[in-house]
C-alpha atoms as a PDB file:
ATOM      1  CA  MET A   1     189.032  92.085  52.951  1.00  0.00           C
ATOM      2  CA  LYS A   2     187.077  88.828  52.844  1.00  0.00           C
ATOM      3  CA  PRO A   3     184.602  86.969  54.989  1.00  0.00           C
ATOM      4  CA  GLU A   4     186.279  85.364  57.998  1.00  0.00           C
ATOM      5  CA  VAL A   5     186.269  81.580  58.489  1.00  0.00           C
ATOM      6  CA  THR A   6     187.603  81.873  62.025  1.00  0.00           C
ATOM      7  CA  GLY A   7     188.870  79.262  64.311  1.00  0.00           C
ATOM      8  CA  CYS A   8     189.887  75.707  63.766  1.00  0.00           C
ATOM      9  CA  GLU A   9     188.379  73.457  61.053  1.00  0.00           C
ATOM     10  CA  THR A  10     187.649  70.846  63.601  1.00  0.00           C
ATOM     11  CA  GLY A  11     185.605  70.587  66.679  1.00  0.00           C
ATOM     12  CA  PRO A  12     182.130  71.929  67.276  1.00  0.00           C
ATOM     13  CA  GLY A  13     181.265  74.665  64.991  1.00  0.00           C
ATOM     14  CA  PHE A  14     178.340  76.245  62.870  1.00  0.00           C
ATOM     15  CA  PRO A  15     176.484  74.632  60.140  1.00  0.00           C
ATOM     16  CA  GLY A  16     177.575  75.997  56.683  1.00  0.00           C
ATOM     17  CA  THR A  17     181.100  77.191  57.401  1.00  0.00           C
ATOM     18  CA  GLY A  18     182.728  74.756  59.683  1.00  0.00           C
ATOM     19  CA  SER A  19     184.114  77.548  61.700  1.00  0.00           C
ATOM     20  CA  THR A  20     184.225  77.968  65.419  1.00  0.00           C
ATOM     21  CA  PRO A  21     183.693  81.251  67.439  1.00  0.00           C
ATOM     22  CA  ILE A  22     186.549  83.668  67.978  1.00  0.00           C
ATOM     23  CA  ALA A  23     188.125  82.812  71.200  1.00  0.00           C
ATOM     24  CA  GLY A  24     187.440  85.288  73.926  1.00  0.00           C
ATOM     25  CA  ALA A  25     184.827  87.148  71.977  1.00  0.00           C
ATOM     26  CA  GLY A  26     182.185  86.227  74.498  1.00  0.00           C
ATOM     27  CA  ASP A  27     178.460  86.257  74.079  1.00  0.00           C
ATOM     28  CA  ARG A  28     177.817  89.439  72.269  1.00  0.00           C
ATOM     29  CA  SER A  29     174.138  90.000  71.969  1.00  0.00           C
ATOM     30  CA  LEU A  30     171.809  92.840  72.331  1.00  0.00           C
ATOM     31  CA  ALA A  31     170.288  91.305  75.404  1.00  0.00           C
ATOM     32  CA  GLY A  32     173.647  92.082  77.052  1.00  0.00           C
ATOM     33  CA  VAL A  33     174.059  95.520  75.883  1.00  0.00           C
ATOM     34  CA  ASP A  34     173.077  98.512  78.044  1.00  0.00           C
ATOM     35  CA  SER A  35     170.833 100.983  76.059  1.00  0.00           C
ATOM     36  CA  ARG A  36     172.640 103.741  77.775  1.00  0.00           C
ATOM     37  CA  ASN A  37     175.891 102.639  76.468  1.00  0.00           C
ATOM     38  CA  ASP A  38     174.306 102.480  72.875  1.00  0.00           C
ATOM     39  CA  ILE A  39     173.195 106.317  73.523  1.00  0.00           C
ATOM     40  CA  ARG A  40     176.531 107.402  74.817  1.00  0.00           C
ATOM     41  CA  GLU A  41     178.548 105.728  72.089  1.00  0.00           C
ATOM     42  CA  PHE A  42     176.339 106.861  69.269  1.00  0.00           C
ATOM     43  CA  LEU A  43     176.409 110.496  70.450  1.00  0.00           C
ATOM     44  CA  ALA A  44     180.176 110.325  71.125  1.00  0.00           C
ATOM     45  CA  THR A  45     180.840 108.943  67.626  1.00  0.00           C
ATOM     46  CA  ARG A  46     178.721 111.484  65.908  1.00  0.00           C
ATOM     47  CA  ARG A  47     180.424 114.393  67.984  1.00  0.00           C
ATOM     48  CA  ALA A  48     183.910 113.100  67.032  1.00  0.00           C
ATOM     49  CA  ARG A  49     183.423 113.247  63.292  1.00  0.00           C
ATOM     50  CA  ILE A  50     182.558 117.031  63.173  1.00  0.00           C
ATOM     51  CA  THR A  51     185.369 119.634  63.197  1.00  0.00           C
ATOM     52  CA  PRO A  52     184.654 123.028  64.852  1.00  0.00           C
ATOM     53  CA  GLN A  53     185.135 124.552  61.390  1.00  0.00           C
ATOM     54  CA  GLU A  54     182.578 122.340  59.836  1.00  0.00           C
ATOM     55  CA  ALA A  55     180.280 123.217  62.848  1.00  0.00           C
ATOM     56  CA  GLY A  56     180.772 127.083  62.211  1.00  0.00           C
ATOM     57  CA  LEU A  57     182.544 127.621  65.372  1.00  0.00           C
ATOM     58  CA  ALA A  58     185.696 129.971  66.003  1.00  0.00           C
ATOM     59  CA  THR A  59     188.879 128.256  66.842  1.00  0.00           C
ATOM     60  CA  TYR A  60     191.833 130.023  68.595  1.00  0.00           C
ATOM     61  CA  GLY A  61     194.678 127.549  67.858  1.00  0.00           C
ATOM     62  CA  GLY A  62     196.275 125.215  70.449  1.00  0.00           C
ATOM     63  CA  ARG A  63     195.943 121.452  70.524  1.00  0.00           C
ATOM     64  CA  ARG A  64     192.548 119.926  71.049  1.00  0.00           C
ATOM     65  CA  ARG A  65     192.584 116.801  73.346  1.00  0.00           C
ATOM     66  CA  VAL A  66     189.391 115.245  71.731  1.00  0.00           C
ATOM     67  CA  PRO A  67     188.616 114.716  68.014  1.00  0.00           C
ATOM     68  CA  GLY A  68     185.726 116.602  66.747  1.00  0.00           C
ATOM     69  CA  LEU A  69     183.562 118.724  68.940  1.00  0.00           C
ATOM     70  CA  ARG A  70     183.769 119.063  72.574  1.00  0.00           C
ATOM     71  CA  ARG A  71     180.476 118.498  74.659  1.00  0.00           C
ATOM     72  CA  GLU A  72     180.287 122.083  75.611  1.00  0.00           C
ATOM     73  CA  GLU A  73     180.413 122.895  71.911  1.00  0.00           C
ATOM     74  CA  VAL A  74     177.525 120.577  71.085  1.00  0.00           C
ATOM     75  CA  ALA A  75     175.648 122.103  74.045  1.00  0.00           C
ATOM     76  CA  GLN A  76     176.171 125.626  72.748  1.00  0.00           C
ATOM     77  CA  LEU A  77     175.150 124.722  69.119  1.00  0.00           C
ATOM     78  CA  ALA A  78     172.025 123.007  70.548  1.00  0.00           C
ATOM     79  CA  GLY A  79     171.050 125.716  72.828  1.00  0.00           C
ATOM     80  CA  VAL A  80     171.131 123.601  76.074  1.00  0.00           C
ATOM     81  CA  SER A  81     173.156 123.781  79.097  1.00  0.00           C
ATOM     82  CA  VAL A  82     176.474 121.951  79.338  1.00  0.00           C
ATOM     83  CA  ASP A  83     175.172 119.910  82.307  1.00  0.00           C
ATOM     84  CA  TYR A  84     172.004 118.924  80.472  1.00  0.00           C
ATOM     85  CA  TYR A  85     173.911 117.713  77.387  1.00  0.00           C
ATOM     86  CA  ASN A  86     176.454 115.772  79.595  1.00  0.00           C
ATOM     87  CA  ARG A  87     173.352 113.983  81.131  1.00  0.00           C
ATOM     88  CA  LEU A  88     172.142 113.068  77.557  1.00  0.00           C
ATOM     89  CA  GLU A  89     175.596 111.743  76.440  1.00  0.00           C
ATOM     90  CA  ARG A  90     175.755 109.632  79.708  1.00  0.00           C
ATOM     91  CA  GLY A  91     172.778 107.744  78.136  1.00  0.00           C
ATOM     92  CA  ASN A  92     170.003 109.404  80.015  1.00  0.00           C
ATOM     93  CA  LEU A  93     167.401 110.467  77.324  1.00  0.00           C
ATOM     94  CA  GLY A  94     164.346 109.653  79.428  1.00  0.00           C
ATOM     95  CA  GLY A  95     161.897 112.635  79.278  1.00  0.00           C
ATOM     96  CA  VAL A  96     163.907 114.453  76.705  1.00  0.00           C
ATOM     97  CA  SER A  97     161.541 116.548  74.430  1.00  0.00           C
ATOM     98  CA  ASP A  98     161.315 116.262  70.662  1.00  0.00           C
ATOM     99  CA  SER A  99     162.477 119.939  70.211  1.00  0.00           C
ATOM    100  CA  VAL A 100     165.763 118.985  72.203  1.00  0.00           C
ATOM    101  CA  LEU A 101     166.234 115.899  70.033  1.00  0.00           C
ATOM    102  CA  ASP A 102     165.856 117.988  66.923  1.00  0.00           C
ATOM    103  CA  ALA A 103     168.382 120.564  68.191  1.00  0.00           C
ATOM    104  CA  ILE A 104     170.906 117.868  69.139  1.00  0.00           C
ATOM    105  CA  ALA A 105     170.329 116.401  65.694  1.00  0.00           C
ATOM    106  CA  ARG A 106     170.965 119.744  64.006  1.00  0.00           C
ATOM    107  CA  ALA A 107     174.079 120.356  66.162  1.00  0.00           C
ATOM    108  CA  LEU A 108     175.583 117.046  65.236  1.00  0.00           C
ATOM    109  CA  GLN A 109     174.528 117.337  61.637  1.00  0.00           C
ATOM    110  CA  LEU A 110     172.645 113.991  61.708  1.00  0.00           C
ATOM    111  CA  ASP A 111     171.186 112.808  58.521  1.00  0.00           C
ATOM    112  CA  GLU A 112     167.540 111.358  58.325  1.00  0.00           C
ATOM    113  CA  ALA A 113     168.593 107.852  59.348  1.00  0.00           C
ATOM    114  CA  GLU A 114     170.620 109.018  62.268  1.00  0.00           C
ATOM    115  CA  HIS A 115     167.970 111.574  63.528  1.00  0.00           C
ATOM    116  CA  ALA A 116     165.304 108.715  63.431  1.00  0.00           C
ATOM    117  CA  HIS A 117     167.869 106.539  65.236  1.00  0.00           C
ATOM    118  CA  LEU A 118     168.364 108.958  67.946  1.00  0.00           C
ATOM    119  CA  CYS A 119     164.610 109.159  68.406  1.00  0.00           C
ATOM    120  CA  ASP A 120     164.239 105.424  68.633  1.00  0.00           C
ATOM    121  CA  LEU A 121     167.043 105.366  71.302  1.00  0.00           C
ATOM    122  CA  ALA A 122     165.058 108.040  73.222  1.00  0.00           C
ATOM    123  CA  ALA A 123     161.812 106.076  72.874  1.00  0.00           C
ATOM    124  CA  ASN A 124     163.439 102.838  74.155  1.00  0.00           C
ATOM    125  CA  THR A 125     164.627 104.503  77.441  1.00  0.00           C
ATOM    126  CA  MET A 126     161.171 105.800  78.059  1.00  0.00           C
ATOM    127  CA  SER A 127     159.531 102.493  77.283  1.00  0.00           C
ATOM    128  CA  ARG A 128     158.285 100.948  80.719  1.00  0.00           C
ATOM    129  CA  THR A 129     157.620  97.455  79.121  1.00  0.00           C
ATOM    130  CA  ARG A 130     159.362  95.309  76.613  1.00  0.00           C
ATOM    131  CA  ARG A 131     157.208  94.926  73.407  1.00  0.00           C
ATOM    132  CA  PRO A 132     159.053  92.663  71.210  1.00  0.00           C
ATOM    133  CA  ARG A 133     157.915  92.245  67.672  1.00  0.00           C
ATOM    134  CA  ALA A 134     156.398  88.951  66.805  1.00  0.00           C
ATOM    135  CA  SER A 135     159.253  86.599  66.309  1.00  0.00           C
ATOM    136  CA  GLN A 136     157.574  84.610  63.571  1.00  0.00           C
ATOM    137  CA  GLN A 137     156.882  86.793  60.532  1.00  0.00           C
ATOM    138  CA  HIS A 138     154.981  85.544  57.458  1.00  0.00           C
ATOM    139  CA  VAL A 139     154.256  86.637  53.990  1.00  0.00           C
ATOM    140  CA  ARG A 140     150.644  86.992  53.404  1.00  0.00           C
ATOM    141  CA  PRO A 141     149.062  85.360  50.402  1.00  0.00           C
ATOM    142  CA  GLY A 142     148.156  88.942  48.926  1.00  0.00           C
ATOM    143  CA  VAL A 143     151.812  89.976  49.251  1.00  0.00           C
ATOM    144  CA  GLN A 144     152.915  86.775  47.687  1.00  0.00           C
ATOM    145  CA  ARG A 145     150.593  87.446  44.671  1.00  0.00           C
ATOM    146  CA  ILE A 146     152.353  90.796  44.250  1.00  0.00           C
ATOM    147  CA  LEU A 147     155.617  89.050  44.145  1.00  0.00           C
ATOM    148  CA  ASP A 148     154.559  86.363  41.760  1.00  0.00           C
ATOM    149  CA  GLY A 149     153.074  89.007  39.533  1.00  0.00           C
ATOM    150  CA  LEU A 150     156.407  90.823  39.109  1.00  0.00           C
ATOM    151  CA  THR A 151     157.662  88.526  36.357  1.00  0.00           C
ATOM    152  CA  GLN A 152     160.118  90.757  34.587  1.00  0.00           C
ATOM    153  CA  MET A 153     162.342  91.594  37.730  1.00  0.00           C
ATOM    154  CA  PRO A 154     163.764  89.906  40.810  1.00  0.00           C
ATOM    155  CA  ALA A 155     161.869  90.656  43.974  1.00  0.00           C
ATOM    156  CA  ILE A 156     162.215  89.583  47.560  1.00  0.00           C
ATOM    157  CA  VAL A 157     160.509  90.223  50.934  1.00  0.00           C
ATOM    158  CA  HIS A 158     162.672  90.599  53.930  1.00  0.00           C
ATOM    159  CA  ASN A 159     162.465  91.731  57.525  1.00  0.00           C
ATOM    160  CA  GLY A 160     164.708  94.068  59.600  1.00  0.00           C
ATOM    161  CA  ARG A 161     167.036  91.152  60.543  1.00  0.00           C
ATOM    162  CA  LEU A 162     167.580  90.687  56.761  1.00  0.00           C
ATOM    163  CA  ASP A 163     165.827  87.322  56.678  1.00  0.00           C
ATOM    164  CA  ILE A 164     164.563  86.698  53.121  1.00  0.00           C
ATOM    165  CA  LEU A 165     161.217  85.436  53.856  1.00  0.00           C
ATOM    166  CA  SER A 166     159.902  85.061  50.270  1.00  0.00           C
ATOM    167  CA  ALA A 167     160.749  85.913  46.692  1.00  0.00           C
ATOM    168  CA  ASN A 168     159.396  85.448  43.224  1.00  0.00           C
ATOM    169  CA  ARG A 169     161.064  83.091  40.805  1.00  0.00           C
ATOM    170  CA  LEU A 170     163.701  85.849  39.552  1.00  0.00           C
ATOM    171  CA  GLY A 171     164.247  86.711  43.163  1.00  0.00           C
ATOM    172  CA  TYR A 172     165.259  83.223  44.174  1.00  0.00           C
ATOM    173  CA  ALA A 173     167.382  82.797  41.009  1.00  0.00           C
ATOM    174  CA  LEU A 174     169.222  86.168  41.674  1.00  0.00           C
ATOM    175  CA  PHE A 175     170.073  85.301  45.272  1.00  0.00           C
ATOM    176  CA  SER A 176     170.486  81.513  44.641  1.00  0.00           C
ATOM    177  CA  PRO A 177     174.114  81.741  46.210  1.00  0.00           C
ATOM    178  CA  VAL A 178     172.525  82.982  49.490  1.00  0.00           C
ATOM    179  CA  TYR A 179     170.449  79.737  49.701  1.00  0.00           C
ATOM    180  CA  VAL A 180     173.131  77.224  48.946  1.00  0.00           C
ATOM    181  CA  GLU A 181     174.007  76.303  52.500  1.00  0.00           C
ATOM    182  CA  SER A 182     171.400  78.392  54.469  1.00  0.00           C
ATOM    183  CA  ALA A 183     168.794  76.973  56.865  1.00  0.00           C
ATOM    184  CA  PRO A 184     165.500  78.788  56.231  1.00  0.00           C
ATOM    185  CA  PRO A 185     164.970  81.554  56.391  1.00  0.00           C
ATOM    186  CA  ALA A 186     168.064  82.598  54.366  1.00  0.00           C
ATOM    187  CA  ASN A 187     169.662  85.489  56.076  1.00  0.00           C
ATOM    188  CA  HIS A 188     171.573  88.136  54.009  1.00  0.00           C
ATOM    189  CA  ALA A 189     173.892  89.178  56.894  1.00  0.00           C
ATOM    190  CA  ARG A 190     175.053  85.646  57.620  1.00  0.00           C
ATOM    191  CA  PHE A 191     175.841  85.264  53.901  1.00  0.00           C
ATOM    192  CA  VAL A 192     177.859  88.555  53.620  1.00  0.00           C
ATOM    193  CA  PHE A 193     179.908  87.947  56.717  1.00  0.00           C
ATOM    194  CA  LEU A 194     180.337  84.146  56.865  1.00  0.00           C
ATOM    195  CA  ASP A 195     180.081  82.486  53.456  1.00  0.00           C
ATOM    196  CA  PRO A 196     183.293  82.737  51.352  1.00  0.00           C
ATOM    197  CA  ARG A 197     181.094  83.095  48.159  1.00  0.00           C
ATOM    198  CA  ALA A 198     179.998  86.453  49.204  1.00  0.00           C
ATOM    199  CA  THR A 199     183.117  88.356  47.970  1.00  0.00           C
ATOM    200  CA  ALA A 200     182.518  86.836  44.455  1.00  0.00           C
ATOM    201  CA  PHE A 201     178.761  87.468  44.556  1.00  0.00           C
ATOM    202  CA  TYR A 202     179.179  91.155  45.604  1.00  0.00           C
ATOM    203  CA  PRO A 203     182.061  92.774  43.674  1.00  0.00           C
ATOM    204  CA  ASP A 204     181.603  95.824  45.929  1.00  0.00           C
ATOM    205  CA  TRP A 205     182.029  93.536  48.971  1.00  0.00           C
ATOM    206  CA  ASP A 206     183.065  96.410  51.374  1.00  0.00           C
ATOM    207  CA  LEU A 207     180.005  98.430  50.406  1.00  0.00           C
ATOM    208  CA  ALA A 208     177.773  95.303  51.006  1.00  0.00           C
ATOM    209  CA  VAL A 209     179.368  94.985  54.368  1.00  0.00           C
ATOM    210  CA  ASP A 210     178.789  98.523  55.502  1.00  0.00           C
ATOM    211  CA  SER A 211     175.272  98.664  54.390  1.00  0.00           C
ATOM    212  CA  THR A 212     174.438  95.391  55.965  1.00  0.00           C
ATOM    213  CA  VAL A 213     175.806  96.458  59.598  1.00  0.00           C
ATOM    214  CA  ASP A 214     174.214  99.746  59.061  1.00  0.00           C
ATOM    215  CA  LEU A 215     170.757  98.266  58.531  1.00  0.00           C
ATOM    216  CA  LEU A 216     170.984  95.688  61.471  1.00  0.00           C
ATOM    217  CA  ARG A 217     172.078  98.746  63.810  1.00  0.00           C
ATOM    218  CA  THR A 218     169.128 100.612  62.513  1.00  0.00           C
ATOM    219  CA  GLU A 219     166.775  97.760  63.213  1.00  0.00           C
ATOM    220  CA  ALA A 220     168.382  97.314  66.654  1.00  0.00           C
ATOM    221  CA  GLY A 221     167.380 100.907  67.483  1.00  0.00           C
ATOM    222  CA  ARG A 222     163.806 100.326  66.285  1.00  0.00           C
ATOM    223  CA  ASN A 223     163.262  96.909  67.931  1.00  0.00           C
ATOM    224  CA  PRO A 224     165.933  96.464  70.710  1.00  0.00           C
ATOM    225  CA  PHE A 225     164.172  93.562  72.280  1.00  0.00           C
ATOM    226  CA  ASP A 226     164.057  91.316  69.396  1.00  0.00           C
ATOM    227  CA  ARG A 227     165.599  88.096  70.540  1.00  0.00           C
ATOM    228  CA  HIS A 228     166.315  86.743  67.071  1.00  0.00           C
ATOM    229  CA  LEU A 229     168.129  89.958  66.074  1.00  0.00           C
ATOM    230  CA  SER A 230     169.994  89.612  69.452  1.00  0.00           C
ATOM    231  CA  ASP A 231     171.134  86.186  68.642  1.00  0.00           C
ATOM    232  CA  LEU A 232     172.141  87.053  65.172  1.00  0.00           C
ATOM    233  CA  VAL A 233     174.193  90.037  66.290  1.00  0.00           C
ATOM    234  CA  GLY A 234     175.873  87.746  68.949  1.00  0.00           C
ATOM    235  CA  GLU A 235     176.636  85.131  66.252  1.00  0.00           C
ATOM    236  CA  LEU A 236     178.155  87.615  63.934  1.00  0.00           C
ATOM    237  CA  SER A 237     180.066  89.383  66.711  1.00  0.00           C
ATOM    238  CA  THR A 238     181.674  86.058  67.802  1.00  0.00           C
ATOM    239  CA  ARG A 239     182.480  84.794  64.241  1.00  0.00           C
ATOM    240  CA  SER A 240     183.450  87.956  62.376  1.00  0.00           C
ATOM    241  CA  GLU A 241     186.158  90.556  63.439  1.00  0.00           C
ATOM    242  CA  THR A 242     184.890  92.721  60.494  1.00  0.00           C
ATOM    243  CA  PHE A 243     181.419  92.717  61.865  1.00  0.00           C
ATOM    244  CA  ARG A 244     182.636  93.622  65.316  1.00  0.00           C
ATOM    245  CA  LYS A 245     184.565  96.634  64.008  1.00  0.00           C
ATOM    246  CA  ARG A 246     181.750  97.915  61.890  1.00  0.00           C
ATOM    247  CA  TRP A 247     179.144  97.234  64.692  1.00  0.00           C
ATOM    248  CA  ALA A 248     181.173  99.446  67.026  1.00  0.00           C
ATOM    249  CA  ALA A 249     180.954 102.429  64.717  1.00  0.00           C
ATOM    250  CA  HIS A 250     177.271 102.741  65.419  1.00  0.00           C
ATOM    251  CA  ASN A 251     176.444 103.850  61.951  1.00  0.00           C
ATOM    252  CA  VAL A 252     172.829 103.610  60.675  1.00  0.00           C
ATOM    253  CA  ARG A 253     171.294 104.100  57.346  1.00  0.00           C
ATOM    254  CA  LEU A 254     168.013 103.871  55.287  1.00  0.00           C
ATOM    255  CA  LEU A 255     168.179 102.014  51.844  1.00  0.00           C
ATOM    256  CA  ARG A 256     165.133 102.983  49.896  1.00  0.00           C
ATOM    257  CA  THR A 257     166.567 103.258  46.392  1.00  0.00           C
ATOM    258  CA  GLY A 258     169.891 102.952  44.594  1.00  0.00           C
ATOM    259  CA  ARG A 259     171.927 100.559  42.410  1.00  0.00           C
ATOM    260  CA  LYS A 260     173.897  97.448  43.421  1.00  0.00           C
ATOM    261  CA  ARG A 261     176.449  95.326  41.454  1.00  0.00           C
ATOM    262  CA  TYR A 262     176.139  91.471  41.678  1.00  0.00           C
ATOM    263  CA  HIS A 263     178.277  88.764  40.095  1.00  0.00           C
ATOM    264  CA  HIS A 264     176.018  85.958  39.539  1.00  0.00           C
ATOM    265  CA  PRO A 265     177.603  82.494  39.221  1.00  0.00           C
ATOM    266  CA  VAL A 266     175.460  81.599  36.099  1.00  0.00           C
ATOM    267  CA  VAL A 267     174.856  84.968  34.311  1.00  0.00           C
ATOM    268  CA  GLY A 268     177.822  86.972  35.247  1.00  0.00           C
ATOM    269  CA  GLU A 269     177.862  90.665  36.402  1.00  0.00           C
ATOM    270  CA  LEU A 270     174.548  92.617  36.809  1.00  0.00           C
ATOM    271  CA  SER A 271     174.089  96.108  37.686  1.00  0.00           C
ATOM    272  CA  LEU A 272     170.537  96.611  39.078  1.00  0.00           C
ATOM    273  CA  ASP A 273     168.465  99.526  40.346  1.00  0.00           C
ATOM    274  CA  TYR A 274     166.455  98.686  43.443  1.00  0.00           C
ATOM    275  CA  GLU A 275     163.370 100.126  44.975  1.00  0.00           C
ATOM    276  CA  ALA A 276     162.357  99.130  48.511  1.00  0.00           C
ATOM    277  CA  MET A 277     158.844  99.437  49.756  1.00  0.00           C
ATOM    278  CA  GLU A 278     157.375  98.823  53.142  1.00  0.00           C
ATOM    279  CA  PHE A 279     154.051  97.439  53.976  1.00  0.00           C
ATOM    280  CA  PRO A 280     152.006  99.362  56.438  1.00  0.00           C
ATOM    281  CA  ALA A 281     149.935  96.414  57.262  1.00  0.00           C
ATOM    282  CA  ASP A 282     153.014  94.215  57.937  1.00  0.00           C
ATOM    283  CA  THR A 283     155.223  96.274  60.289  1.00  0.00           C
ATOM    284  CA  GLY A 284     159.077  95.460  59.702  1.00  0.00           C
ATOM    285  CA  LEU A 285     158.541  93.774  56.223  1.00  0.00           C
ATOM    286  CA  THR A 286     159.976  95.337  53.111  1.00  0.00           C
ATOM    287  CA  LEU A 287     159.516  94.281  49.513  1.00  0.00           C
ATOM    288  CA  THR A 288     162.574  95.114  47.388  1.00  0.00           C
ATOM    289  CA  ALA A 289     162.433  94.877  43.476  1.00  0.00           C
ATOM    290  CA  TYR A 290     165.458  95.060  41.263  1.00  0.00           C
ATOM    291  CA  SER A 291     165.385  96.249  37.587  1.00  0.00           C
ATOM    292  CA  ALA A 292     167.992  96.914  34.803  1.00  0.00           C
ATOM    293  CA  GLN A 293     167.926  99.680  32.328  1.00  0.00           C
ATOM    294  CA  PRO A 294     166.646  98.427  28.891  1.00  0.00           C
ATOM    295  CA  GLY A 295     169.345  97.895  26.274  1.00  0.00           C
ATOM    296  CA  THR A 296     172.122  97.166  28.721  1.00  0.00           C
ATOM    297  CA  PRO A 297     174.289  94.133  29.268  1.00  0.00           C
ATOM    298  CA  SER A 298     172.520  93.787  32.794  1.00  0.00           C
ATOM    299  CA  HIS A 299     169.065  93.816  31.029  1.00  0.00           C
ATOM    300  CA  ASP A 300     170.205  90.979  28.901  1.00  0.00           C
ATOM    301  CA  GLY A 301     171.664  89.260  31.941  1.00  0.00           C
ATOM    302  CA  LEU A 302     168.208  89.238  33.543  1.00  0.00           C
ATOM    303  CA  ASN A 303     166.635  87.691  30.547  1.00  0.00           C
ATOM    304  CA  LEU A 304     169.276  84.995  30.896  1.00  0.00           C
ATOM    305  CA  LEU A 305     168.500  84.616  34.455  1.00  0.00           C
ATOM    306  CA  ALA A 306     164.921  84.190  33.572  1.00  0.00           C
ATOM    307  CA  SER A 307     165.632  81.384  31.243  1.00  0.00           C
ATOM    308  CA  TRP A 308     167.951  79.699  33.716  1.00  0.00           C
ATOM    309  CA  ALA A 309     165.275  80.034  36.405  1.00  0.00           C
ATOM    310  CA  ALA A 310     162.555  78.467  33.972  1.00  0.00           C
ATOM    311  CA  THR A 311     164.933  75.568  33.304  1.00  0.00           C
ATOM    312  CA  ILE A 312     165.553  74.883  36.917  1.00  0.00           C
ATOM    313  CA  ASP A 313     161.727  74.966  37.653  1.00  0.00           C
ATOM    314  CA  GLN A 314     161.162  72.496  34.732  1.00  0.00           C
ATOM    315  CA  THR A 315     163.900  70.088  36.021  1.00  0.00           C
ATOM    316  CA  HIS A 316     162.409  70.364  39.720  1.00  0.00           C
ATOM    317  CA  ASN A 317     158.783  69.699  38.317  1.00  0.00           C
ATOM    318  CA  ALA A 318     160.059  66.600  36.350  1.00  0.00           C
ATOM    319  CA  ASP A 319     161.737  65.207  39.376  1.00  0.00           C
ATOM    320  CA  THR A 320     158.668  65.791  41.621  1.00  0.00           C
ATOM    321  CA  GLY A 321     156.135  64.676  39.003  1.00  0.00           C
ATOM    322  CA  GLN A 322     154.562  67.994  38.857  1.00  0.00           C
ATOM    323  CA  THR A 323     153.667  70.039  35.659  1.00  0.00           C
ATOM    324  CA  THR A 324     154.793  73.514  34.985  1.00  0.00           C
END
């Protein structure tokens, strides 16, 4: 599976890929999506993945007309009436209590990210005014100093839309393929789905695709009135069949720590552990730092990456008349 370069190679397209939108895909953005529909599809997809046996319910044979649990079974597990649960799954979460949301989450066996997403969807239906997050997000000088102080590991600061707002020297070097044909700010999601280099940069491209969509869906639940996020989702929906299919799954996740593999065009394969840290003073911004275990080929690769980055800096400074 590879990023699509859809449409014709001629005619009006988008910078960076030369592709045109998928015909008939329409203007797919969050602005045109009913929040009730998001609630309905989220609950329905979570219900469909759980079998009665997994939920601890007795079955008496016979063919079931729906995959997973029936609505009345979820209501039974959550301790609410069938009529009340039907109202919730129709998208009406207005006024629902935290205890009911917790009961629904237990019945549907939601993980932490899914439970938080359900609460976000409920909060959005009860919000009387649209309160979009500031469109222009900036990295404060103090945060930039923290980035620059991390000299032995790549580090970036990104927002919920996966715009890379800043990085340290190694961060720019590690993600240099993302910057090749990207207008600032470089966006991770556009690179993953629309840039042919992404499949080479991410050896586990399918995992990168899944996590990217899941993170955007999570952000959409937190901040549904972010126009820039709406535009990004609309663009990816019209240009990538892979994105549309993943987006329709309504999966969400939290990525706080783990390991990712990269194949850098200069230093080769890197297997890096990452830690993601949010800034309470800068809502929506996350610093992610990457490290390699000492004594591994990836650790040697980071040292080589640092040497390459220093060479690039020296060349740039020579060209601009600056001193290192």
